[in-house]
C-alpha atoms as a PDB file:
ATOM      1  CA  MET A   1      -8.802 -14.852  19.969  1.00  0.00           C
ATOM      2  CA  THR A   2     -12.191 -16.515  20.325  1.00  0.00           C
ATOM      3  CA  SER A   3     -13.924 -14.289  17.752  1.00  0.00           C
ATOM      4  CA  LYS A   4     -12.978 -12.236  14.741  1.00  0.00           C
ATOM      5  CA  THR A   5     -13.263  -8.468  14.370  1.00  0.00           C
ATOM      6  CA  LYS A   6     -15.632  -7.452  11.589  1.00  0.00           C
ATOM      7  CA  VAL A   7     -14.276  -4.976   9.067  1.00  0.00           C
ATOM      8  CA  ALA A   8     -15.665  -2.874   6.250  1.00  0.00           C
ATOM      9  CA  ILE A   9     -13.771  -1.920   3.108  1.00  0.00           C
ATOM     10  CA  ILE A  10     -14.643   1.332   1.342  1.00  0.00           C
ATOM     11  CA  GLY A  11     -13.617   1.240  -2.298  1.00  0.00           C
ATOM     12  CA  PRO A  12     -14.234  -1.952  -4.299  1.00  0.00           C
ATOM     13  CA  GLY A  13     -11.502  -1.266  -6.855  1.00  0.00           C
ATOM     14  CA  ASN A  14      -8.308  -3.257  -7.324  1.00  0.00           C
ATOM     15  CA  ILE A  15      -6.853  -2.439  -3.909  1.00  0.00           C
ATOM     16  CA  GLY A  16     -10.107  -2.891  -2.005  1.00  0.00           C
ATOM     17  CA  THR A  17     -10.898  -6.167  -3.757  1.00  0.00           C
ATOM     18  CA  ASP A  18      -7.400  -7.556  -3.165  1.00  0.00           C
ATOM     19  CA  LEU A  19      -7.654  -6.607   0.496  1.00  0.00           C
ATOM     20  CA  MET A  20     -11.037  -8.349   0.706  1.00  0.00           C
ATOM     21  CA  ILE A  21      -9.534 -11.542  -0.724  1.00  0.00           C
ATOM     22  CA  LYS A  22      -6.666 -11.373   1.766  1.00  0.00           C
ATOM     23  CA  VAL A  23      -9.080 -10.981   4.679  1.00  0.00           C
ATOM     24  CA  LEU A  24     -11.102 -13.961   3.484  1.00  0.00           C
ATOM     25  CA  ARG A  25      -8.185 -16.251   2.659  1.00  0.00           C
ATOM     26  CA  THR A  26      -5.450 -15.442   5.123  1.00  0.00           C
ATOM     27  CA  SER A  27      -6.694 -13.655   8.251  1.00  0.00           C
ATOM     28  CA  SER A  28      -7.440 -15.510  11.465  1.00  0.00           C
ATOM     29  CA  VAL A  29      -8.546 -12.360  13.307  1.00  0.00           C
ATOM     30  CA  LEU A  30     -10.520 -10.313  10.748  1.00  0.00           C
ATOM     31  CA  GLU A  31     -13.881 -11.023   9.143  1.00  0.00           C
ATOM     32  CA  MET A  32     -15.524  -9.195   6.252  1.00  0.00           C
ATOM     33  CA  GLY A  33     -18.574  -7.253   7.404  1.00  0.00           C
ATOM     34  CA  ALA A  34     -19.214  -5.005   4.395  1.00  0.00           C
ATOM     35  CA  MET A  35     -17.912  -3.882   1.029  1.00  0.00           C
ATOM     36  CA  VAL A  36     -18.782  -0.276   0.223  1.00  0.00           C
ATOM     37  CA  GLY A  37     -18.821   1.492  -3.138  1.00  0.00           C
ATOM     38  CA  VAL A  38     -20.648   4.140  -5.110  1.00  0.00           C
ATOM     39  CA  ASP A  39     -21.125   2.378  -8.458  1.00  0.00           C
ATOM     40  CA  PRO A  40     -23.873  -0.279  -8.554  1.00  0.00           C
ATOM     41  CA  ALA A  41     -22.148  -1.846 -11.580  1.00  0.00           C
ATOM     42  CA  SER A  42     -18.816  -2.222  -9.770  1.00  0.00           C
ATOM     43  CA  ASP A  43     -17.124  -5.574 -10.362  1.00  0.00           C
ATOM     44  CA  GLY A  44     -15.738  -5.462  -6.833  1.00  0.00           C
ATOM     45  CA  LEU A  45     -19.191  -5.076  -5.311  1.00  0.00           C
ATOM     46  CA  ALA A  46     -20.513  -7.898  -7.483  1.00  0.00           C
ATOM     47  CA  ARG A  47     -17.633 -10.153  -6.441  1.00  0.00           C
ATOM     48  CA  ALA A  48     -18.238  -9.359  -2.757  1.00  0.00           C
ATOM     49  CA  ALA A  49     -21.952 -10.111  -3.113  1.00  0.00           C
ATOM     50  CA  ARG A  50     -21.186 -13.470  -4.736  1.00  0.00           C
ATOM     51  CA  LEU A  51     -19.020 -14.288  -1.729  1.00  0.00           C
ATOM     52  CA  GLY A  52     -21.903 -13.536   0.637  1.00  0.00           C
ATOM     53  CA  ILE A  53     -20.537 -10.243   1.929  1.00  0.00           C
ATOM     54  CA  PRO A  54     -23.056  -7.430   2.620  1.00  0.00           C
ATOM     55  CA  THR A  55     -22.613  -4.641   0.072  1.00  0.00           C
ATOM     56  CA  THR A  56     -23.835  -1.123  -0.567  1.00  0.00           C
ATOM     57  CA  ALA A  57     -23.422   1.194  -3.558  1.00  0.00           C
ATOM     58  CA  GLU A  58     -24.467   4.228  -1.484  1.00  0.00           C
ATOM     59  CA  GLY A  59     -21.034   5.042  -0.106  1.00  0.00           C
ATOM     60  CA  VAL A  60     -20.474   5.718   3.568  1.00  0.00           C
ATOM     61  CA  ASP A  61     -24.091   6.818   3.980  1.00  0.00           C
ATOM     62  CA  GLY A  62     -25.107   3.335   2.854  1.00  0.00           C
ATOM     63  CA  LEU A  63     -22.619   1.777   5.284  1.00  0.00           C
ATOM     64  CA  LEU A  64     -24.074   3.766   8.188  1.00  0.00           C
ATOM     65  CA  ALA A  65     -27.546   2.481   7.294  1.00  0.00           C
ATOM     66  CA  MET A  66     -26.532  -1.192   7.093  1.00  0.00           C
ATOM     67  CA  PRO A  67     -28.015  -3.428   9.840  1.00  0.00           C
ATOM     68  CA  GLY A  68     -24.588  -4.811  10.760  1.00  0.00           C
ATOM     69  CA  PHE A  69     -22.802  -1.451  10.995  1.00  0.00           C
ATOM     70  CA  ALA A  70     -22.706  -1.504  14.802  1.00  0.00           C
ATOM     71  CA  ASP A  71     -20.720  -4.769  14.731  1.00  0.00           C
ATOM     72  CA  ILE A  72     -17.958  -3.388  12.525  1.00  0.00           C
ATOM     73  CA  GLY A  73     -14.869  -2.376  14.458  1.00  0.00           C
ATOM     74  CA  ILE A  74     -12.371  -1.431  11.746  1.00  0.00           C
ATOM     75  CA  VAL A  75     -12.930   0.362   8.437  1.00  0.00           C
ATOM     76  CA  PHE A  76     -10.383   0.245   5.612  1.00  0.00           C
ATOM     77  CA  ASP A  77     -10.585   3.108   3.125  1.00  0.00           C
ATOM     78  CA  ALA A  78      -9.216   2.309  -0.352  1.00  0.00           C
ATOM     79  CA  THR A  79     -10.702   5.264  -2.237  1.00  0.00           C
ATOM     80  CA  SER A  80      -8.782   8.509  -2.809  1.00  0.00           C
ATOM     81  CA  ALA A  81      -7.226  11.163  -0.616  1.00  0.00           C
ATOM     82  CA  GLN A  82     -10.085  13.589  -1.202  1.00  0.00           C
ATOM     83  CA  ALA A  83     -12.783  10.961  -0.675  1.00  0.00           C
ATOM     84  CA  HIS A  84     -11.158   9.757   2.531  1.00  0.00           C
ATOM     85  CA  MET A  85     -11.401  13.201   4.098  1.00  0.00           C
ATOM     86  CA  ALA A  86     -15.176  13.169   3.608  1.00  0.00           C
ATOM     87  CA  ASN A  87     -15.466   9.520   4.694  1.00  0.00           C
ATOM     88  CA  ALA A  88     -13.448  10.076   7.864  1.00  0.00           C
ATOM     89  CA  GLU A  89     -15.633  13.026   8.825  1.00  0.00           C
ATOM     90  CA  LYS A  90     -18.813  10.968   8.476  1.00  0.00           C
ATOM     91  CA  LEU A  91     -17.399   8.034  10.443  1.00  0.00           C
ATOM     92  CA  ALA A  92     -15.795  10.095  13.208  1.00  0.00           C
ATOM     93  CA  PRO A  93     -18.780   9.970  15.645  1.00  0.00           C
ATOM     94  CA  PHE A  94     -18.980   6.165  15.634  1.00  0.00           C
ATOM     95  CA  ALA A  95     -15.749   5.076  17.370  1.00  0.00           C
ATOM     96  CA  LYS A  96     -14.525   2.952  14.467  1.00  0.00           C
ATOM     97  CA  GLN A  97     -10.812   2.655  13.812  1.00  0.00           C
ATOM     98  CA  LEU A  98      -9.920   3.712  10.272  1.00  0.00           C
ATOM     99  CA  VAL A  99      -7.059   2.266   8.252  1.00  0.00           C
ATOM    100  CA  ASP A 100      -6.439   4.726   5.427  1.00  0.00           C
ATOM    101  CA  LEU A 101      -4.871   3.337   2.234  1.00  0.00           C
ATOM    102  CA  THR A 102      -4.978   6.743   0.515  1.00  0.00           C
ATOM    103  CA  PRO A 103      -2.350   9.511   0.804  1.00  0.00           C
ATOM    104  CA  ALA A 104      -4.772  11.721   2.772  1.00  0.00           C
ATOM    105  CA  ALA A 105      -2.578  11.459   5.883  1.00  0.00           C
ATOM    106  CA  ILE A 106      -5.228  12.630   8.329  1.00  0.00           C
ATOM    107  CA  GLY A 107      -3.912  10.298  10.995  1.00  0.00           C
ATOM    108  CA  PRO A 108      -0.342   9.264  11.851  1.00  0.00           C
ATOM    109  CA  LEU A 109       1.741   7.717   9.095  1.00  0.00           C
ATOM    110  CA  VAL A 110       2.256   4.021   9.860  1.00  0.00           C
ATOM    111  CA  VAL A 111       4.626   1.367   8.518  1.00  0.00           C
ATOM    112  CA  PRO A 112       3.938  -1.875  10.427  1.00  0.00           C
ATOM    113  CA  VAL A 113       7.551  -2.948  11.032  1.00  0.00           C
ATOM    114  CA  VAL A 114       8.652   0.547  12.053  1.00  0.00           C
ATOM    115  CA  ASN A 115       6.070   2.339  14.197  1.00  0.00           C
ATOM    116  CA  LEU A 116       2.711   0.543  14.358  1.00  0.00           C
ATOM    117  CA  GLU A 117       3.051  -0.200  18.073  1.00  0.00           C
ATOM    118  CA  GLN A 118       3.162   3.537  18.786  1.00  0.00           C
ATOM    119  CA  HIS A 119      -0.263   4.172  17.218  1.00  0.00           C
ATOM    120  CA  LEU A 120      -2.450   1.250  18.247  1.00  0.00           C
ATOM    121  CA  GLU A 121      -5.031   3.546  19.841  1.00  0.00           C
ATOM    122  CA  ALA A 122      -5.173   6.111  17.039  1.00  0.00           C
ATOM    123  CA  PRO A 123      -8.664   6.484  15.523  1.00  0.00           C
ATOM    124  CA  ASN A 124      -7.242   6.870  12.015  1.00  0.00           C
ATOM    125  CA  VAL A 125      -3.917   5.449  10.817  1.00  0.00           C
ATOM    126  CA  ASN A 126      -2.480   6.194   7.395  1.00  0.00           C
ATOM    127  CA  MET A 127      -0.605   3.600   5.352  1.00  0.00           C
ATOM    128  CA  VAL A 128       1.488   6.282   3.617  1.00  0.00           C
ATOM    129  CA  THR A 129       1.876   5.022   0.014  1.00  0.00           C
ATOM    130  CA  CYS A 130       3.045   1.897  -1.783  1.00  0.00           C
ATOM    131  CA  GLY A 131       6.460   3.477  -2.273  1.00  0.00           C
ATOM    132  CA  GLY A 132       6.511   4.458   1.375  1.00  0.00           C
ATOM    133  CA  GLN A 133       5.690   0.951   2.574  1.00  0.00           C
ATOM    134  CA  ALA A 134       8.507  -0.440   0.419  1.00  0.00           C
ATOM    135  CA  THR A 135      11.215   2.108   1.178  1.00  0.00           C
ATOM    136  CA  ILE A 136      10.613   3.716   4.577  1.00  0.00           C
ATOM    137  CA  PRO A 137      11.652   0.509   6.397  1.00  0.00           C
ATOM    138  CA  ILE A 138      15.043   0.780   4.673  1.00  0.00           C
ATOM    139  CA  VAL A 139      15.501   4.427   5.670  1.00  0.00           C
ATOM    140  CA  ALA A 140      14.484   3.504   9.229  1.00  0.00           C
ATOM    141  CA  ALA A 141      16.996   0.647   9.240  1.00  0.00           C
ATOM    142  CA  VAL A 142      19.822   2.949   8.202  1.00  0.00           C
ATOM    143  CA  SER A 143      18.792   5.657  10.671  1.00  0.00           C
ATOM    144  CA  SER A 144      18.778   3.076  13.477  1.00  0.00           C
ATOM    145  CA  VAL A 145      22.572   2.836  13.203  1.00  0.00           C
ATOM    146  CA  ALA A 146      23.585   6.206  11.690  1.00  0.00           C
ATOM    147  CA  PRO A 147      21.817   9.581  11.420  1.00  0.00           C
ATOM    148  CA  VAL A 148      20.345  10.029   7.933  1.00  0.00           C
ATOM    149  CA  ALA A 149      20.728  13.609   6.723  1.00  0.00           C
ATOM    150  CA  TYR A 150      18.917  12.992   3.442  1.00  0.00           C
ATOM    151  CA  GLY A 151      16.790  10.153   2.115  1.00  0.00           C
ATOM    152  CA  GLU A 152      15.557   9.879  -1.462  1.00  0.00           C
ATOM    153  CA  ILE A 153      13.427   7.108  -2.944  1.00  0.00           C
ATOM    154  CA  VAL A 154      12.446   6.279  -6.509  1.00  0.00           C
ATOM    155  CA  ALA A 155       9.477   3.926  -6.927  1.00  0.00           C
ATOM    156  CA  SER A 156       9.009   2.404 -10.382  1.00  0.00           C
ATOM    157  CA  ILE A 157       5.716   0.582 -10.953  1.00  0.00           C
ATOM    158  CA  ALA A 158       4.058  -1.052 -13.936  1.00  0.00           C
ATOM    159  CA  SER A 159       1.757   1.416 -15.664  1.00  0.00           C
ATOM    160  CA  LEU A 160      -0.959  -1.235 -15.798  1.00  0.00           C
ATOM    161  CA  SER A 161      -0.942  -1.442 -11.991  1.00  0.00           C
ATOM    162  CA  ALA A 162      -1.676   2.273 -11.606  1.00  0.00           C
ATOM    163  CA  GLY A 163      -5.436   2.725 -11.651  1.00  0.00           C
ATOM    164  CA  PRO A 164      -7.441   5.965 -11.654  1.00  0.00           C
ATOM    165  CA  GLY A 165      -6.996   6.431  -7.886  1.00  0.00           C
ATOM    166  CA  THR A 166      -3.207   6.108  -8.067  1.00  0.00           C
ATOM    167  CA  ARG A 167      -2.990   8.459 -11.041  1.00  0.00           C
ATOM    168  CA  ALA A 168      -5.226  11.026  -9.357  1.00  0.00           C
ATOM    169  CA  ASN A 169      -3.023  10.989  -6.267  1.00  0.00           C
ATOM    170  CA  ILE A 170       0.434  11.445  -7.829  1.00  0.00           C
ATOM    171  CA  ASP A 171       1.072  14.772  -6.094  1.00  0.00           C
ATOM    172  CA  GLU A 172      -0.174  13.418  -2.772  1.00  0.00           C
ATOM    173  CA  PHE A 173       2.033  10.351  -3.294  1.00  0.00           C
ATOM    174  CA  THR A 174       5.235  12.366  -3.536  1.00  0.00           C
ATOM    175  CA  VAL A 175       4.383  14.695  -0.654  1.00  0.00           C
ATOM    176  CA  THR A 176       3.112  12.006   1.735  1.00  0.00           C
ATOM    177  CA  THR A 177       5.983   9.641   0.959  1.00  0.00           C
ATOM    178  CA  ALA A 178       8.551  12.376   1.528  1.00  0.00           C
ATOM    179  CA  HIS A 179       6.940  13.189   4.882  1.00  0.00           C
ATOM    180  CA  GLY A 180       7.020   9.490   5.757  1.00  0.00           C
ATOM    181  CA  ILE A 181      10.722   9.280   4.951  1.00  0.00           C
ATOM    182  CA  GLU A 182      11.247  12.023   7.517  1.00  0.00           C
ATOM    183  CA  GLN A 183       8.609  11.339  10.183  1.00  0.00           C
ATOM    184  CA  VAL A 184       8.763   7.520  10.175  1.00  0.00           C
ATOM    185  CA  GLY A 185      12.056   6.731   8.477  1.00  0.00           C
ATOM    186  CA  GLY A 186      13.994   9.246  10.529  1.00  0.00           C
ATOM    187  CA  ALA A 187      15.695  11.205   7.715  1.00  0.00           C
ATOM    188  CA  ALA A 188      16.287  14.895   8.350  1.00  0.00           C
ATOM    189  CA  MET A 189      15.105  15.599   4.799  1.00  0.00           C
ATOM    190  CA  GLY A 190      13.233  13.337   2.378  1.00  0.00           C
ATOM    191  CA  LYS A 191      12.309  13.256  -1.292  1.00  0.00           C
ATOM    192  CA  ALA A 192      10.115  10.846  -3.278  1.00  0.00           C
ATOM    193  CA  ILE A 193       9.773  10.174  -7.003  1.00  0.00           C
ATOM    194  CA  ILE A 194       7.340   7.794  -8.751  1.00  0.00           C
ATOM    195  CA  ILE A 195       7.739   6.387 -12.257  1.00  0.00           C
ATOM    196  CA  LEU A 196       4.940   4.678 -14.187  1.00  0.00           C
ATOM    197  CA  ASN A 197       6.712   2.176 -16.439  1.00  0.00           C
ATOM    198  CA  PRO A 198       4.768   1.297 -19.630  1.00  0.00           C
ATOM    199  CA  ALA A 199       6.955  -1.728 -20.479  1.00  0.00           C
ATOM    200  CA  GLU A 200       5.308  -4.839 -21.939  1.00  0.00           C
ATOM    201  CA  PRO A 201       5.195  -7.343 -20.415  1.00  0.00           C
ATOM    202  CA  PRO A 202       4.731  -5.366 -17.185  1.00  0.00           C
ATOM    203  CA  LEU A 203       7.731  -5.255 -14.851  1.00  0.00           C
ATOM    204  CA  LEU A 204       7.688  -5.939 -11.131  1.00  0.00           C
ATOM    205  CA  MET A 205       7.776  -2.999  -8.746  1.00  0.00           C
ATOM    206  CA  ARG A 206      11.321  -1.701  -8.300  1.00  0.00           C
ATOM    207  CA  ASP A 207      12.392   0.714  -5.576  1.00  0.00           C
ATOM    208  CA  THR A 208      15.682   2.515  -5.141  1.00  0.00           C
ATOM    209  CA  VAL A 209      16.606   4.062  -1.795  1.00  0.00           C
ATOM    210  CA  TYR A 210      19.433   6.549  -1.324  1.00  0.00           C
ATOM    211  CA  CYS A 211      20.522   7.609   2.146  1.00  0.00           C
ATOM    212  CA  LEU A 212      23.242  10.110   2.945  1.00  0.00           C
ATOM    213  CA  ILE A 213      25.024   9.605   6.236  1.00  0.00           C
ATOM    214  CA  GLU A 214      28.084  11.470   7.441  1.00  0.00           C
ATOM    215  CA  ASP A 215      29.852   8.243   8.305  1.00  0.00           C
ATOM    216  CA  GLY A 216      29.096   4.746   9.539  1.00  0.00           C
ATOM    217  CA  ASP A 217      30.145   1.121   9.809  1.00  0.00           C
ATOM    218  CA  THR A 218      29.157  -0.382   6.447  1.00  0.00           C
ATOM    219  CA  ARG A 219      28.762  -3.867   7.935  1.00  0.00           C
ATOM    220  CA  GLU A 220      26.477  -2.524  10.645  1.00  0.00           C
ATOM    221  CA  VAL A 221      24.365  -0.633   8.101  1.00  0.00           C
ATOM    222  CA  THR A 222      24.117  -3.700   5.848  1.00  0.00           C
ATOM    223  CA  ASP A 223      23.099  -5.937   8.755  1.00  0.00           C
ATOM    224  CA  ALA A 224      20.379  -3.462   9.767  1.00  0.00           C
ATOM    225  CA  ILE A 225      19.006  -3.337   6.220  1.00  0.00           C
ATOM    226  CA  GLU A 226      19.042  -7.112   5.748  1.00  0.00           C
ATOM    227  CA  SER A 227      17.326  -7.610   9.108  1.00  0.00           C
ATOM    228  CA  MET A 228      14.619  -5.113   8.141  1.00  0.00           C
ATOM    229  CA  VAL A 229      14.053  -6.809   4.783  1.00  0.00           C
ATOM    230  CA  ALA A 230      13.489 -10.114   6.611  1.00  0.00           C
ATOM    231  CA  ARG A 231      10.946  -8.440   8.898  1.00  0.00           C
ATOM    232  CA  VAL A 232       8.990  -6.953   5.986  1.00  0.00           C
ATOM    233  CA  GLN A 233       9.005 -10.386   4.335  1.00  0.00           C
ATOM    234  CA  GLY A 234       6.994 -11.550   7.346  1.00  0.00           C
ATOM    235  CA  TYR A 235       3.916 -10.066   5.661  1.00  0.00           C
ATOM    236  CA  VAL A 236       5.106  -9.319   2.106  1.00  0.00           C
ATOM    237  CA  ARG A 237       6.733 -12.531   0.870  1.00  0.00           C
ATOM    238  CA  GLY A 238       7.736 -11.046  -2.474  1.00  0.00           C
ATOM    239  CA  TYR A 239       9.768  -8.214  -0.913  1.00  0.00           C
ATOM    240  CA  ARG A 240      13.511  -8.638  -1.509  1.00  0.00           C
ATOM    241  CA  LEU A 241      16.847  -6.999  -2.094  1.00  0.00           C
ATOM    242  CA  LYS A 242      17.648  -6.954  -5.806  1.00  0.00           C
ATOM    243  CA  GLN A 243      21.393  -6.796  -5.161  1.00  0.00           C
ATOM    244  CA  ALA A 244      23.881  -6.176  -2.365  1.00  0.00           C
ATOM    245  CA  VAL A 245      23.761  -2.874  -0.486  1.00  0.00           C
ATOM    246  CA  GLN A 246      26.171  -0.385  -2.061  1.00  0.00           C
ATOM    247  CA  PHE A 247      28.311   2.304  -0.441  1.00  0.00           C
ATOM    248  CA  GLU A 248      30.223   5.182  -1.944  1.00  0.00           C
ATOM    249  CA  ARG A 249      31.709   8.401  -0.705  1.00  0.00           C
ATOM    250  CA  TYR A 250      29.424  11.360  -1.234  1.00  0.00           C
ATOM    251  CA  SER A 251      30.826  14.177  -3.333  1.00  0.00           C
ATOM    252  CA  ASP A 252      29.509  17.674  -3.884  1.00  0.00           C
ATOM    253  CA  ARG A 253      29.529  16.731  -7.577  1.00  0.00           C
ATOM    254  CA  ASP A 254      27.276  13.704  -7.007  1.00  0.00           C
ATOM    255  CA  PRO A 255      24.238  13.742  -9.355  1.00  0.00           C
ATOM    256  CA  LEU A 256      22.006  13.047  -6.356  1.00  0.00           C
ATOM    257  CA  VAL A 257      20.321  16.366  -5.626  1.00  0.00           C
ATOM    258  CA  ALA A 258      20.788  17.148  -1.953  1.00  0.00           C
ATOM    259  CA  PRO A 259      21.266  20.190   0.237  1.00  0.00           C
ATOM    260  CA  ASP A 260      24.700  21.423   1.253  1.00  0.00           C
ATOM    261  CA  LEU A 261      25.360  19.222   4.262  1.00  0.00           C
ATOM    262  CA  GLY A 262      28.581  20.928   5.265  1.00  0.00           C
ATOM    263  CA  TRP A 263      30.577  17.701   5.103  1.00  0.00           C
ATOM    264  CA  ASN A 264      33.059  18.900   2.475  1.00  0.00           C
ATOM    265  CA  GLY A 265      32.432  15.779   0.416  1.00  0.00           C
ATOM    266  CA  ARG A 266      33.091  13.354   3.292  1.00  0.00           C
ATOM    267  CA  GLY A 267      29.599  11.874   3.450  1.00  0.00           C
ATOM    268  CA  LEU A 268      28.698   8.260   2.723  1.00  0.00           C
ATOM    269  CA  LYS A 269      25.935   7.401   0.247  1.00  0.00           C
ATOM    270  CA  VAL A 270      24.017   4.177   0.903  1.00  0.00           C
ATOM    271  CA  SER A 271      22.194   2.747  -2.128  1.00  0.00           C
ATOM    272  CA  VAL A 272      19.591   0.005  -1.757  1.00  0.00           C
ATOM    273  CA  PHE A 273      17.794  -1.680  -4.651  1.00  0.00           C
ATOM    274  CA  LEU A 274      14.530  -3.501  -3.975  1.00  0.00           C
ATOM    275  CA  GLU A 275      12.012  -5.572  -5.879  1.00  0.00           C
ATOM    276  CA  VAL A 276       8.447  -6.324  -4.808  1.00  0.00           C
ATOM    277  CA  GLU A 277       6.518  -9.220  -6.324  1.00  0.00           C
ATOM    278  CA  GLY A 278       2.823  -9.460  -5.536  1.00  0.00           C
ATOM    279  CA  ALA A 279       1.229 -12.509  -3.932  1.00  0.00           C
ATOM    280  CA  ALA A 280      -1.318 -12.689  -6.793  1.00  0.00           C
ATOM    281  CA  HIS A 281      -4.286 -13.218  -4.461  1.00  0.00           C
ATOM    282  CA  TYR A 282      -6.412 -11.106  -6.800  1.00  0.00           C
ATOM    283  CA  LEU A 283      -4.010  -8.763  -8.575  1.00  0.00           C
ATOM    284  CA  PRO A 284      -1.316  -9.967 -10.991  1.00  0.00           C
ATOM    285  CA  ALA A 285       2.114 -10.698  -9.548  1.00  0.00           C
ATOM    286  CA  TYR A 286       3.649  -7.627 -11.218  1.00  0.00           C
ATOM    287  CA  ALA A 287       1.405  -5.365  -9.105  1.00  0.00           C
ATOM    288  CA  GLY A 288       3.695  -5.521  -6.088  1.00  0.00           C
ATOM    289  CA  ASN A 289       2.977  -1.856  -5.433  1.00  0.00           C
ATOM    290  CA  LEU A 290      -0.659  -2.669  -4.706  1.00  0.00           C
ATOM    291  CA  ASP A 291       0.109  -5.919  -2.896  1.00  0.00           C
ATOM    292  CA  ILE A 292       2.477  -4.261  -0.432  1.00  0.00           C
ATOM    293  CA  MET A 293      -0.228  -1.718   0.427  1.00  0.00           C
ATOM    294  CA  THR A 294      -2.914  -4.318   1.054  1.00  0.00           C
ATOM    295  CA  SER A 295      -0.491  -6.579   2.924  1.00  0.00           C
ATOM    296  CA  ALA A 296       0.629  -3.721   5.179  1.00  0.00           C
ATOM    297  CA  ALA A 297      -2.971  -2.666   5.748  1.00  0.00           C
ATOM    298  CA  LEU A 298      -3.941  -6.238   6.602  1.00  0.00           C
ATOM    299  CA  ARG A 299      -1.087  -6.542   9.103  1.00  0.00           C
ATOM    300  CA  THR A 300      -2.105  -3.211  10.631  1.00  0.00           C
ATOM    301  CA  GLY A 301      -5.791  -4.166  10.865  1.00  0.00           C
ATOM    302  CA  GLU A 302      -4.929  -7.507  12.452  1.00  0.00           C
ATOM    303  CA  ARG A 303      -2.782  -5.860  15.117  1.00  0.00           C
ATOM    304  CA  LEU A 304      -5.488  -3.283  15.841  1.00  0.00           C
ATOM    305  CA  ALA A 305      -7.996  -6.128  16.170  1.00  0.00           C
ATOM    306  CA  GLU A 306      -5.748  -7.962  18.613  1.00  0.00           C
ATOM    307  CA  VAL A 307      -5.540  -4.887  20.808  1.00  0.00           C
ATOM    308  CA  ARG A 308      -9.308  -4.334  20.659  1.00  0.00           C
ATOM    309  CA  HIS A 309      -9.820  -7.920  21.751  1.00  0.00           C
ATOM    310  CA  GLU A 310      -7.343  -7.548  24.619  1.00  0.00           C
ATOM    311  CA  VAL A 311      -9.130  -4.405  25.825  1.00  0.00           C
ATOM    312  CA  ALA A 312     -12.533  -6.079  25.570  1.00  0.00           C
ATOM    313  CA  ALA A 313     -11.275  -9.081  27.546  1.00  0.00           C
END
């Protein structure tokens, strides 16, 4: 690419600021065009201004009034599910592509390694949730070799890494992640649980994935999972298996809550244990839940920019 695509970030909190730092430090195809907030005293806005990035504390209305708005091609929204609905409505007439880091799920749910290529022309793509970005690739890996009747994920994150936006969106987190397990991961039924761990010192993000399959080649399932982990590591270096993939026969007496699958106890339960360590670009390393969101959003924005450049050429 001979030029970079300018982007705006709405929401100068932890996620928005970390994403800004990633764009500045690591992207060869994206360029910061604006940082947008609503609080003039925001540390994120002040940091962006010190870095020479145009800022506004007037929200999306301020973004629309900025002299460089016409040059911005992609807008990342790192606010809240409710705020994104209003932001998307205001931006809709201007042919910008939106990358939504909230659980609003207005546009298609996207996990870069699973289904990004199917939605490159969508006006608004949704990054599901941090738990979704960490676990849906695993469900998709299993479903690529054996039908997944039920997928359940448990995301445990450090309490200190859960800001006001995360805490306000707990219900949306569970619903959107469960939908992602089904729509993107390929499970017939999905369930999501989030745990805010108050441990001191803060622990790294941990994710547990359970998949129920009627039967399958355990070596083939393991190979698919390990291959998927390597692909996610292409943009989230701290993403890793915590231990070997586990298999056990599913019993009707299993504590895992699942519907009656009609298998008479002959199902196979696949258990995957993950850990996500953040890159510490701006956020602490224990905040892998936030880092995986910004890393996935960055990868998505870069691919969208590549396609925009190809079309323009």
